[in-house]
Amino acid sequence: GWGNDPRQPCGANWLQGMVGQPLSYAYATDAAMNARILRPGMITNMMYDAQRLNFHVDSGDTITRIACG
């Protein structure tokens, strides 16, 4: 587990320092191993899952947002 914040059960709050980093950095630290990677224009299942970690990246694979959902 990545922490115990009830508002961020997926642990996103612990990973905010990775925003602005390349996605490869998140993989290198194992942070993105079980995460869903959301790219611009990607069609996603919008079903909310508080336990799921989402990495939002831009067209250059730079992390722009990390959130549960």
PDB file of N, CA and C in Angstrom:
ATOM      1  N   GLY A   1       0.818  -1.212   0.000  1.00  0.00           N
ATOM      2  CA  GLY A   1       0.000   0.000   0.000  1.00  0.00           C
ATOM      3  C   GLY A   1       0.846   1.254   0.000  1.00  0.00           C
ATOM      4  N   TRP A   2       0.313   2.282  -0.620  1.00  0.00           N
ATOM      5  CA  TRP A   2       1.042   3.548  -0.764  1.00  0.00           C
ATOM      6  C   TRP A   2       0.633   4.573   0.271  1.00  0.00           C
ATOM      7  N   GLY A   3      -0.049   4.174   1.322  1.00  0.00           N
ATOM      8  CA  GLY A   3      -0.430   5.155   2.318  1.00  0.00           C
ATOM      9  C   GLY A   3      -1.834   4.916   2.797  1.00  0.00           C
ATOM     10  N   ASN A   4      -2.291   5.770   3.682  1.00  0.00           N
ATOM     11  CA  ASN A   4      -3.577   5.519   4.303  1.00  0.00           C
ATOM     12  C   ASN A   4      -4.464   6.754   4.320  1.00  0.00           C
ATOM     13  N   ASP A   5      -4.318   7.654   3.363  1.00  0.00           N
ATOM     14  CA  ASP A   5      -5.178   8.816   3.265  1.00  0.00           C
ATOM     15  C   ASP A   5      -6.527   8.357   2.718  1.00  0.00           C
ATOM     16  N   PRO A   6      -7.604   8.471   3.492  1.00  0.00           N
ATOM     17  CA  PRO A   6      -8.905   7.955   3.035  1.00  0.00           C
ATOM     18  C   PRO A   6      -9.442   8.665   1.795  1.00  0.00           C
ATOM     19  N   ARG A   7      -8.966   9.883   1.542  1.00  0.00           N
ATOM     20  CA  ARG A   7      -9.418  10.587   0.343  1.00  0.00           C
ATOM     21  C   ARG A   7      -8.657  10.129  -0.895  1.00  0.00           C
ATOM     22  N   GLN A   8      -7.498   9.528  -0.699  1.00  0.00           N
ATOM     23  CA  GLN A   8      -6.664   9.068  -1.807  1.00  0.00           C
ATOM     24  C   GLN A   8      -6.213   7.639  -1.528  1.00  0.00           C
ATOM     25  N   PRO A   9      -7.162   6.684  -1.464  1.00  0.00           N
ATOM     26  CA  PRO A   9      -6.785   5.321  -1.080  1.00  0.00           C
ATOM     27  C   PRO A   9      -5.834   4.643  -2.055  1.00  0.00           C
ATOM     28  N   CYS A  10      -5.719   5.162  -3.271  1.00  0.00           N
ATOM     29  CA  CYS A  10      -4.804   4.546  -4.232  1.00  0.00           C
ATOM     30  C   CYS A  10      -3.367   5.001  -4.005  1.00  0.00           C
ATOM     31  N   GLY A  11      -3.163   5.994  -3.135  1.00  0.00           N
ATOM     32  CA  GLY A  11      -1.813   6.468  -2.838  1.00  0.00           C
ATOM     33  C   GLY A  11      -1.333   7.616  -3.698  1.00  0.00           C
ATOM     34  N   ALA A  12      -2.226   8.214  -4.492  1.00  0.00           N
ATOM     35  CA  ALA A  12      -1.819   9.286  -5.406  1.00  0.00           C
ATOM     36  C   ALA A  12      -1.161  10.453  -4.683  1.00  0.00           C
ATOM     37  N   ASN A  13      -1.613  10.739  -3.466  1.00  0.00           N
ATOM     38  CA  ASN A  13      -1.057  11.886  -2.746  1.00  0.00           C
ATOM     39  C   ASN A  13       0.422  11.726  -2.448  1.00  0.00           C
ATOM     40  N   TRP A  14       0.889  10.498  -2.324  1.00  0.00           N
ATOM     41  CA  TRP A  14       2.303  10.248  -2.041  1.00  0.00           C
ATOM     42  C   TRP A  14       3.176  10.399  -3.286  1.00  0.00           C
ATOM     43  N   LEU A  15       2.540  10.457  -4.449  1.00  0.00           N
ATOM     44  CA  LEU A  15       3.291  10.434  -5.704  1.00  0.00           C
ATOM     45  C   LEU A  15       3.293  11.768  -6.438  1.00  0.00           C
ATOM     46  N   GLN A  16       2.743  12.820  -5.816  1.00  0.00           N
ATOM     47  CA  GLN A  16       2.601  14.095  -6.511  1.00  0.00           C
ATOM     48  C   GLN A  16       3.935  14.679  -6.966  1.00  0.00           C
ATOM     49  N   GLY A  17       5.027  14.288  -6.329  1.00  0.00           N
ATOM     50  CA  GLY A  17       6.345  14.757  -6.746  1.00  0.00           C
ATOM     51  C   GLY A  17       6.749  14.263  -8.131  1.00  0.00           C
ATOM     52  N   MET A  18       6.022  13.282  -8.657  1.00  0.00           N
ATOM     53  CA  MET A  18       6.339  12.758  -9.988  1.00  0.00           C
ATOM     54  C   MET A  18       5.681  13.564 -11.103  1.00  0.00           C
ATOM     55  N   VAL A  19       4.746  14.445 -10.762  1.00  0.00           N
ATOM     56  CA  VAL A  19       4.121  15.285 -11.789  1.00  0.00           C
ATOM     57  C   VAL A  19       5.216  16.131 -12.424  1.00  0.00           C
ATOM     58  N   GLY A  20       5.253  16.140 -13.761  1.00  0.00           N
ATOM     59  CA  GLY A  20       6.291  16.868 -14.484  1.00  0.00           C
ATOM     60  C   GLY A  20       7.469  15.977 -14.882  1.00  0.00           C
ATOM     61  N   GLN A  21       7.507  14.766 -14.341  1.00  0.00           N
ATOM     62  CA  GLN A  21       8.568  13.824 -14.674  1.00  0.00           C
ATOM     63  C   GLN A  21       8.145  12.984 -15.876  1.00  0.00           C
ATOM     64  N   PRO A  22       9.103  12.385 -16.581  1.00  0.00           N
ATOM     65  CA  PRO A  22       8.739  11.473 -17.670  1.00  0.00           C
ATOM     66  C   PRO A  22       8.097  10.208 -17.096  1.00  0.00           C
ATOM     67  N   LEU A  23       7.193   9.616 -17.847  1.00  0.00           N
ATOM     68  CA  LEU A  23       6.523   8.394 -17.413  1.00  0.00           C
ATOM     69  C   LEU A  23       7.526   7.296 -17.108  1.00  0.00           C
ATOM     70  N   SER A  24       8.634   7.263 -17.830  1.00  0.00           N
ATOM     71  CA  SER A  24       9.655   6.238 -17.594  1.00  0.00           C
ATOM     72  C   SER A  24      10.182   6.296 -16.155  1.00  0.00           C
ATOM     73  N   TYR A  25      10.187   7.486 -15.567  1.00  0.00           N
ATOM     74  CA  TYR A  25      10.631   7.653 -14.182  1.00  0.00           C
ATOM     75  C   TYR A  25       9.682   6.902 -13.236  1.00  0.00           C
ATOM     76  N   ALA A  26       8.368   6.995 -13.499  1.00  0.00           N
ATOM     77  CA  ALA A  26       7.392   6.311 -12.660  1.00  0.00           C
ATOM     78  C   ALA A  26       7.545   4.797 -12.778  1.00  0.00           C
ATOM     79  N   TYR A  27       7.854   4.317 -13.978  1.00  0.00           N
ATOM     80  CA  TYR A  27       8.084   2.872 -14.149  1.00  0.00           C
ATOM     81  C   TYR A  27       9.371   2.435 -13.458  1.00  0.00           C
ATOM     82  N   ALA A  28      10.380   3.271 -13.518  1.00  0.00           N
ATOM     83  CA  ALA A  28      11.675   2.923 -12.919  1.00  0.00           C
ATOM     84  C   ALA A  28      11.563   2.766 -11.405  1.00  0.00           C
ATOM     85  N   THR A  29      10.633   3.460 -10.793  1.00  0.00           N
ATOM     86  CA  THR A  29      10.464   3.386  -9.342  1.00  0.00           C
ATOM     87  C   THR A  29       9.338   2.439  -8.952  1.00  0.00           C
ATOM     88  N   ASP A  30       8.782   1.725  -9.911  1.00  0.00           N
ATOM     89  CA  ASP A  30       7.677   0.791  -9.697  1.00  0.00           C
ATOM     90  C   ASP A  30       6.354   1.469  -9.356  1.00  0.00           C
ATOM     91  N   ALA A  31       6.310   2.798  -9.321  1.00  0.00           N
ATOM     92  CA  ALA A  31       5.086   3.506  -8.937  1.00  0.00           C
ATOM     93  C   ALA A  31       3.955   3.275  -9.932  1.00  0.00           C
ATOM     94  N   ALA A  32       4.292   3.114 -11.206  1.00  0.00           N
ATOM     95  CA  ALA A  32       3.255   2.998 -12.234  1.00  0.00           C
ATOM     96  C   ALA A  32       2.941   1.549 -12.613  1.00  0.00           C
ATOM     97  N   MET A  33       3.524   0.600 -11.921  1.00  0.00           N
ATOM     98  CA  MET A  33       3.361  -0.792 -12.312  1.00  0.00           C
ATOM     99  C   MET A  33       1.906  -1.239 -12.410  1.00  0.00           C
ATOM    100  N   ASN A  34       1.088  -0.853 -11.451  1.00  0.00           N
ATOM    101  CA  ASN A  34      -0.313  -1.267 -11.460  1.00  0.00           C
ATOM    102  C   ASN A  34      -1.241  -0.104 -11.803  1.00  0.00           C
ATOM    103  N   ALA A  35      -0.672   0.951 -12.327  1.00  0.00           N
ATOM    104  CA  ALA A  35      -1.462   2.143 -12.625  1.00  0.00           C
ATOM    105  C   ALA A  35      -2.053   2.088 -14.029  1.00  0.00           C
ATOM    106  N   ARG A  36      -3.126   2.841 -14.219  1.00  0.00           N
ATOM    107  CA  ARG A  36      -3.696   3.024 -15.549  1.00  0.00           C
ATOM    108  C   ARG A  36      -3.055   4.285 -16.122  1.00  0.00           C
ATOM    109  N   ILE A  37      -2.544   4.182 -17.325  1.00  0.00           N
ATOM    110  CA  ILE A  37      -1.909   5.312 -17.995  1.00  0.00           C
ATOM    111  C   ILE A  37      -2.941   5.940 -18.930  1.00  0.00           C
ATOM    112  N   LEU A  38      -3.223   7.220 -18.721  1.00  0.00           N
ATOM    113  CA  LEU A  38      -4.224   7.925 -19.520  1.00  0.00           C
ATOM    114  C   LEU A  38      -3.532   8.944 -20.420  1.00  0.00           C
ATOM    115  N   ARG A  39      -3.666   8.732 -21.718  1.00  0.00           N
ATOM    116  CA  ARG A  39      -3.022   9.604 -22.702  1.00  0.00           C
ATOM    117  C   ARG A  39      -4.053  10.532 -23.330  1.00  0.00           C
ATOM    118  N   PRO A  40      -3.595  11.651 -23.918  1.00  0.00           N
ATOM    119  CA  PRO A  40      -4.523  12.606 -24.533  1.00  0.00           C
ATOM    120  C   PRO A  40      -5.423  11.944 -25.565  1.00  0.00           C
ATOM    121  N   GLY A  41      -6.713  12.218 -25.483  1.00  0.00           N
ATOM    122  CA  GLY A  41      -7.660  11.712 -26.463  1.00  0.00           C
ATOM    123  C   GLY A  41      -8.031  10.257 -26.298  1.00  0.00           C
ATOM    124  N   MET A  42      -7.515   9.623 -25.271  1.00  0.00           N
ATOM    125  CA  MET A  42      -7.782   8.206 -25.064  1.00  0.00           C
ATOM    126  C   MET A  42      -9.199   7.999 -24.545  1.00  0.00           C
ATOM    127  N   ILE A  43      -9.879   7.014 -25.101  1.00  0.00           N
ATOM    128  CA  ILE A  43     -11.207   6.655 -24.619  1.00  0.00           C
ATOM    129  C   ILE A  43     -11.024   5.744 -23.409  1.00  0.00           C
ATOM    130  N   THR A  44     -11.653   6.091 -22.300  1.00  0.00           N
ATOM    131  CA  THR A  44     -11.479   5.293 -21.089  1.00  0.00           C
ATOM    132  C   THR A  44     -12.823   4.878 -20.508  1.00  0.00           C
ATOM    133  N   ASN A  45     -12.774   3.857 -19.744  1.00  0.00           N
ATOM    134  CA  ASN A  45     -13.915   3.456 -18.946  1.00  0.00           C
ATOM    135  C   ASN A  45     -13.978   4.430 -17.778  1.00  0.00           C
ATOM    136  N   MET A  46     -15.044   5.190 -17.667  1.00  0.00           N
ATOM    137  CA  MET A  46     -15.107   6.235 -16.652  1.00  0.00           C
ATOM    138  C   MET A  46     -15.612   5.723 -15.295  1.00  0.00           C
ATOM    139  N   MET A  47     -15.736   4.424 -15.158  1.00  0.00           N
ATOM    140  CA  MET A  47     -16.190   3.882 -13.884  1.00  0.00           C
ATOM    141  C   MET A  47     -15.147   4.200 -12.814  1.00  0.00           C
ATOM    142  N   TYR A  48     -15.577   4.863 -11.768  1.00  0.00           N
ATOM    143  CA  TYR A  48     -14.652   5.300 -10.728  1.00  0.00           C
ATOM    144  C   TYR A  48     -14.241   4.139  -9.842  1.00  0.00           C
ATOM    145  N   ASP A  49     -12.954   4.020  -9.606  1.00  0.00           N
ATOM    146  CA  ASP A  49     -12.423   3.008  -8.699  1.00  0.00           C
ATOM    147  C   ASP A  49     -11.415   3.698  -7.792  1.00  0.00           C
ATOM    148  N   ALA A  50     -11.791   3.932  -6.552  1.00  0.00           N
ATOM    149  CA  ALA A  50     -10.952   4.692  -5.614  1.00  0.00           C
ATOM    150  C   ALA A  50      -9.611   4.021  -5.356  1.00  0.00           C
ATOM    151  N   GLN A  51      -9.527   2.719  -5.621  1.00  0.00           N
ATOM    152  CA  GLN A  51      -8.277   1.997  -5.375  1.00  0.00           C
ATOM    153  C   GLN A  51      -7.328   2.059  -6.570  1.00  0.00           C
ATOM    154  N   ARG A  52      -7.841   2.506  -7.728  1.00  0.00           N
ATOM    155  CA  ARG A  52      -7.022   2.499  -8.941  1.00  0.00           C
ATOM    156  C   ARG A  52      -6.225   3.790  -9.055  1.00  0.00           C
ATOM    157  N   LEU A  53      -4.963   3.647  -9.354  1.00  0.00           N
ATOM    158  CA  LEU A  53      -4.065   4.776  -9.547  1.00  0.00           C
ATOM    159  C   LEU A  53      -4.019   5.128 -11.027  1.00  0.00           C
ATOM    160  N   ASN A  54      -4.217   6.397 -11.346  1.00  0.00           N
ATOM    161  CA  ASN A  54      -4.184   6.860 -12.732  1.00  0.00           C
ATOM    162  C   ASN A  54      -3.050   7.855 -12.924  1.00  0.00           C
ATOM    163  N   PHE A  55      -2.246   7.599 -13.947  1.00  0.00           N
ATOM    164  CA  PHE A  55      -1.229   8.555 -14.366  1.00  0.00           C
ATOM    165  C   PHE A  55      -1.726   9.199 -15.655  1.00  0.00           C
ATOM    166  N   HIS A  56      -1.937  10.505 -15.628  1.00  0.00           N
ATOM    167  CA  HIS A  56      -2.303  11.246 -16.836  1.00  0.00           C
ATOM    168  C   HIS A  56      -1.012  11.763 -17.438  1.00  0.00           C
ATOM    169  N   VAL A  57      -0.812  11.524 -18.738  1.00  0.00           N
ATOM    170  CA  VAL A  57       0.408  11.978 -19.401  1.00  0.00           C
ATOM    171  C   VAL A  57       0.055  12.800 -20.638  1.00  0.00           C
ATOM    172  N   ASP A  58       0.978  13.644 -21.053  1.00  0.00           N
ATOM    173  CA  ASP A  58       0.769  14.427 -22.269  1.00  0.00           C
ATOM    174  C   ASP A  58       1.317  13.665 -23.473  1.00  0.00           C
ATOM    175  N   SER A  59       1.294  14.299 -24.629  1.00  0.00           N
ATOM    176  CA  SER A  59       1.710  13.615 -25.848  1.00  0.00           C
ATOM    177  C   SER A  59       3.172  13.207 -25.830  1.00  0.00           C
ATOM    178  N   GLY A  60       3.969  13.813 -24.961  1.00  0.00           N
ATOM    179  CA  GLY A  60       5.386  13.458 -24.857  1.00  0.00           C
ATOM    180  C   GLY A  60       5.672  12.498 -23.702  1.00  0.00           C
ATOM    181  N   ASP A  61       4.606  11.906 -23.141  1.00  0.00           N
ATOM    182  CA  ASP A  61       4.737  10.983 -22.009  1.00  0.00           C
ATOM    183  C   ASP A  61       5.312  11.633 -20.758  1.00  0.00           C
ATOM    184  N   THR A  62       5.018  12.915 -20.571  1.00  0.00           N
ATOM    185  CA  THR A  62       5.350  13.589 -19.325  1.00  0.00           C
ATOM    186  C   THR A  62       4.120  13.498 -18.422  1.00  0.00           C
ATOM    187  N   ILE A  63       4.323  13.176 -17.168  1.00  0.00           N
ATOM    188  CA  ILE A  63       3.206  13.041 -16.235  1.00  0.00           C
ATOM    189  C   ILE A  63       2.622  14.432 -15.933  1.00  0.00           C
ATOM    190  N   THR A  64       1.327  14.581 -16.170  1.00  0.00           N
ATOM    191  CA  THR A  64       0.670  15.868 -15.934  1.00  0.00           C
ATOM    192  C   THR A  64      -0.243  15.839 -14.704  1.00  0.00           C
ATOM    193  N   ARG A  65      -0.664  14.640 -14.310  1.00  0.00           N
ATOM    194  CA  ARG A  65      -1.563  14.529 -13.164  1.00  0.00           C
ATOM    195  C   ARG A  65      -1.525  13.098 -12.663  1.00  0.00           C
ATOM    196  N   ILE A  66      -1.621  12.936 -11.334  1.00  0.00           N
ATOM    197  CA  ILE A  66      -1.692  11.618 -10.726  1.00  0.00           C
ATOM    198  C   ILE A  66      -2.891  11.641  -9.787  1.00  0.00           C
ATOM    199  N   ALA A  67      -3.823  10.729 -10.000  1.00  0.00           N
ATOM    200  CA  ALA A  67      -5.042  10.738  -9.193  1.00  0.00           C
ATOM    201  C   ALA A  67      -5.623   9.334  -9.084  1.00  0.00           C
ATOM    202  N   CYS A  68      -6.464   9.148  -8.080  1.00  0.00           N
ATOM    203  CA  CYS A  68      -7.214   7.902  -7.954  1.00  0.00           C
ATOM    204  C   CYS A  68      -8.417   7.975  -8.895  1.00  0.00           C
ATOM    205  N   GLY A  69      -8.898   6.820  -9.294  1.00  0.00           N
ATOM    206  CA  GLY A  69     -10.142   6.841 -10.063  1.00  0.00           C
ATOM    207  C   GLY A  69     -10.301   5.760 -11.070  1.00  0.00           C
TER     208      GLY A  69
END
